[in-house]
Amino acid sequence: MATSERRQKLFTSLVEKGALKQEVFQQTYESFLLFKDVLKELTEDYTNNPQNDELDIPVEFSEKGQFEVQIKFAGDVLVFMMHTNVFEFPRDHIIHKTSYVKEDPSRSFCGVINIFNFLRDSFKYRRVNDVGYLLGRVFINKEQHFYVDGKRELRLSQQLC
């Protein structure tokens, strides 16, 4: 193969991979916005429920930039954080053994939304050395299918598998 043909093949590959990563990023961002809307709605529903007036358990929603939202309730803070990069699952990951990814290997490229749990007082008293707990990671591909990685078994409606 001539040098110019190899370069053209390289350029084509770079453009295709770049376009794929942009598509995955967009699908992940749309999913993150959906998380954000649902968390806002849950907070409003809770706040507007007259039964909760007696409980005096505050629930607060806040945005901490374009890629992070928080919901505070009782003594906890859940942080939903979208990573701004796109990743491919490692070649030895079980996802590569599925027929779904075997049919189209580009389906293994995903964006990630991390979900952390922190103690509310860690934020309130600015205890920066307190450790948060990673509850789960939601990996979203170009088709907006997802794979959830978490501490316990979770039910999924649209998996990458």
Protein backbone atom coordinates (compact mmCIF):
# COMPACT_ATOMS: atom_id res chain seq x y z
CA MET A 1 0.00 0.00 0.00
CA ALA A 2 1.37 3.38 -1.00
CA THR A 3 2.09 6.11 1.55
CA SER A 4 -0.74 8.33 0.29
CA GLU A 5 -3.22 5.43 0.57
CA ARG A 6 -2.11 4.73 4.16
CA ARG A 7 -2.48 8.40 5.03
CA GLN A 8 -5.92 8.53 3.50
CA LYS A 9 -6.93 5.42 5.44
CA LEU A 10 -5.57 7.00 8.64
CA PHE A 11 -7.43 10.27 8.01
CA THR A 12 -10.65 8.40 7.26
CA SER A 13 -10.28 6.41 10.48
CA LEU A 14 -9.64 9.58 12.52
CA VAL A 15 -12.70 11.33 11.06
CA GLU A 16 -14.94 8.29 11.66
CA LYS A 17 -13.76 7.88 15.25
CA GLY A 18 -14.14 11.61 15.93
CA ALA A 19 -17.67 11.62 14.55
CA LEU A 20 -18.54 8.54 16.64
CA LYS A 21 -17.23 10.18 19.81
CA GLN A 22 -19.22 13.35 19.11
CA GLU A 23 -22.37 11.28 18.59
CA VAL A 24 -21.78 9.34 21.83
CA PHE A 25 -21.13 12.58 23.72
CA GLN A 26 -24.39 14.07 22.43
CA GLN A 27 -26.42 10.98 23.41
CA THR A 28 -24.80 10.97 26.86
CA TYR A 29 -25.52 14.67 27.32
CA GLU A 30 -29.17 14.18 26.34
CA SER A 31 -29.40 11.36 28.89
CA PHE A 32 -27.79 13.57 31.54
CA LEU A 33 -30.38 16.29 30.82
CA LEU A 34 -33.09 13.67 31.31
CA PHE A 35 -31.60 12.72 34.70
CA LYS A 36 -31.56 16.41 35.58
CA ASP A 37 -35.21 16.94 34.59
CA VAL A 38 -36.37 13.88 36.54
CA LEU A 39 -34.43 14.91 39.66
CA LYS A 40 -35.91 18.42 39.45
CA GLU A 41 -39.41 16.98 39.03
CA LEU A 42 -38.97 14.58 41.97
CA THR A 43 -37.79 17.44 44.17
CA GLU A 44 -40.76 19.61 43.17
CA ASP A 45 -43.22 16.75 43.70
CA TYR A 46 -41.81 16.05 47.14
CA THR A 47 -41.77 19.74 48.11
CA ASN A 48 -45.38 20.25 46.94
CA ASN A 49 -46.71 17.15 48.73
CA PRO A 50 -48.65 18.34 51.84
CA GLN A 51 -47.88 15.08 53.71
CA ASN A 52 -44.18 15.98 53.77
CA ASP A 53 -44.77 19.19 55.74
CA GLU A 54 -45.04 17.10 58.90
CA LEU A 55 -41.78 15.25 58.28
CA ASP A 56 -39.51 18.30 58.00
CA ILE A 57 -37.02 16.46 55.78
CA PRO A 58 -35.66 19.01 53.33
CA VAL A 59 -35.07 17.99 49.73
CA GLU A 60 -33.10 20.35 47.51
CA PHE A 61 -32.05 20.21 43.88
CA SER A 62 -29.10 22.23 42.60
CA GLU A 63 -27.01 22.54 39.45
CA LYS A 64 -23.26 22.79 39.87
CA GLY A 65 -22.33 23.56 36.29
CA GLN A 66 -23.20 22.11 32.93
CA PHE A 67 -22.22 18.54 33.82
CA GLU A 68 -23.14 18.15 37.50
CA VAL A 69 -26.37 18.18 39.50
CA GLN A 70 -27.06 17.42 43.15
CA ILE A 71 -30.07 16.37 45.11
CA LYS A 72 -29.86 16.84 48.88
CA PHE A 73 -32.21 14.99 51.19
CA ALA A 74 -32.06 14.20 54.89
CA GLY A 75 -28.37 13.57 55.65
CA ASP A 76 -27.28 12.67 52.12
CA VAL A 77 -26.27 14.32 48.87
CA LEU A 78 -26.50 12.45 45.58
CA VAL A 79 -24.20 13.86 42.93
CA PHE A 80 -24.83 13.07 39.26
CA MET A 81 -21.75 13.94 37.22
CA MET A 82 -21.33 13.47 33.50
CA HIS A 83 -17.78 12.82 32.35
CA THR A 84 -16.96 14.93 29.31
CA ASN A 85 -14.88 12.25 27.58
CA VAL A 86 -15.98 9.17 25.66
CA PHE A 87 -14.45 5.80 26.46
CA GLU A 88 -14.32 2.36 24.91
CA PHE A 89 -14.80 -0.67 27.13
CA PRO A 90 -11.55 -2.65 27.47
CA ARG A 91 -11.24 -5.55 25.01
CA ASP A 92 -11.54 -8.12 27.81
CA HIS A 93 -14.79 -6.62 29.19
CA ILE A 94 -17.85 -8.88 29.05
CA ILE A 95 -19.65 -6.32 26.88
CA HIS A 96 -17.48 -7.41 23.92
CA LYS A 97 -18.85 -10.95 24.19
CA THR A 98 -22.42 -9.83 23.52
CA SER A 99 -23.99 -10.22 20.08
CA TYR A 100 -25.06 -6.56 20.30
CA VAL A 101 -21.46 -5.30 20.34
CA LYS A 102 -20.17 -8.07 18.05
CA GLU A 103 -22.64 -6.85 15.38
CA ASP A 104 -21.22 -3.32 15.63
CA PRO A 105 -18.03 -2.83 17.68
CA SER A 106 -18.58 0.96 17.72
CA ARG A 107 -21.40 0.27 20.21
CA SER A 108 -18.71 -0.32 22.85
CA PHE A 109 -17.84 3.41 22.90
CA CYS A 110 -19.70 5.08 25.76
CA GLY A 111 -20.09 8.25 27.71
CA VAL A 112 -20.37 7.97 31.49
CA ILE A 113 -22.63 9.46 34.15
CA ASN A 114 -21.29 8.79 37.65
CA ILE A 115 -23.61 8.75 40.66
CA PHE A 116 -22.03 9.44 44.05
CA ASN A 117 -23.43 9.54 47.58
CA PHE A 118 -21.91 11.93 50.13
CA LEU A 119 -22.85 12.88 53.66
CA ARG A 120 -24.66 16.21 53.62
CA ASP A 121 -22.50 17.53 56.45
CA SER A 122 -19.39 16.99 54.31
CA PHE A 123 -20.69 19.73 52.02
CA LYS A 124 -22.18 21.86 54.77
CA TYR A 125 -18.95 22.02 56.78
CA ARG A 126 -16.63 21.83 53.74
CA ARG A 127 -14.89 18.70 54.89
CA VAL A 128 -12.97 18.11 51.69
CA ASN A 129 -11.29 14.94 52.97
CA ASP A 130 -14.57 13.08 53.55
CA VAL A 131 -14.98 10.19 51.15
CA GLY A 132 -17.97 9.84 48.86
CA TYR A 133 -19.37 6.52 47.74
CA LEU A 134 -19.69 5.64 44.06
CA LEU A 135 -23.19 4.19 43.78
CA GLY A 136 -23.10 3.50 40.09
CA ARG A 137 -21.98 4.41 36.62
CA VAL A 138 -24.30 4.68 33.64
CA PHE A 139 -22.52 4.03 30.33
CA ILE A 140 -24.42 5.35 27.30
CA ASN A 141 -23.59 4.56 23.69
CA LYS A 142 -24.39 6.14 20.31
CA GLU A 143 -27.83 4.50 20.23
CA GLN A 144 -28.61 5.78 23.73
CA HIS A 145 -28.57 2.21 25.01
CA PHE A 146 -26.99 1.91 28.40
CA TYR A 147 -25.10 -0.35 30.73
CA VAL A 148 -25.25 0.23 34.48
CA ASP A 149 -22.35 -0.73 36.68
CA GLY A 150 -23.11 -0.57 40.38
CA LYS A 151 -22.63 -2.09 43.79
CA ARG A 152 -25.75 -4.26 43.60
CA GLU A 153 -27.70 -5.94 40.87
CA LEU A 154 -29.89 -3.39 39.11
CA ARG A 155 -32.86 -3.80 36.78
CA LEU A 156 -32.39 -2.38 33.30
CA SER A 157 -34.83 -1.75 30.50
CA GLN A 158 -32.42 -1.02 27.63
CA GLN A 159 -29.07 -2.66 28.08
CA LEU A 160 -26.04 -2.81 25.85
CA CYS A 161 -26.18 -6.57 26.29
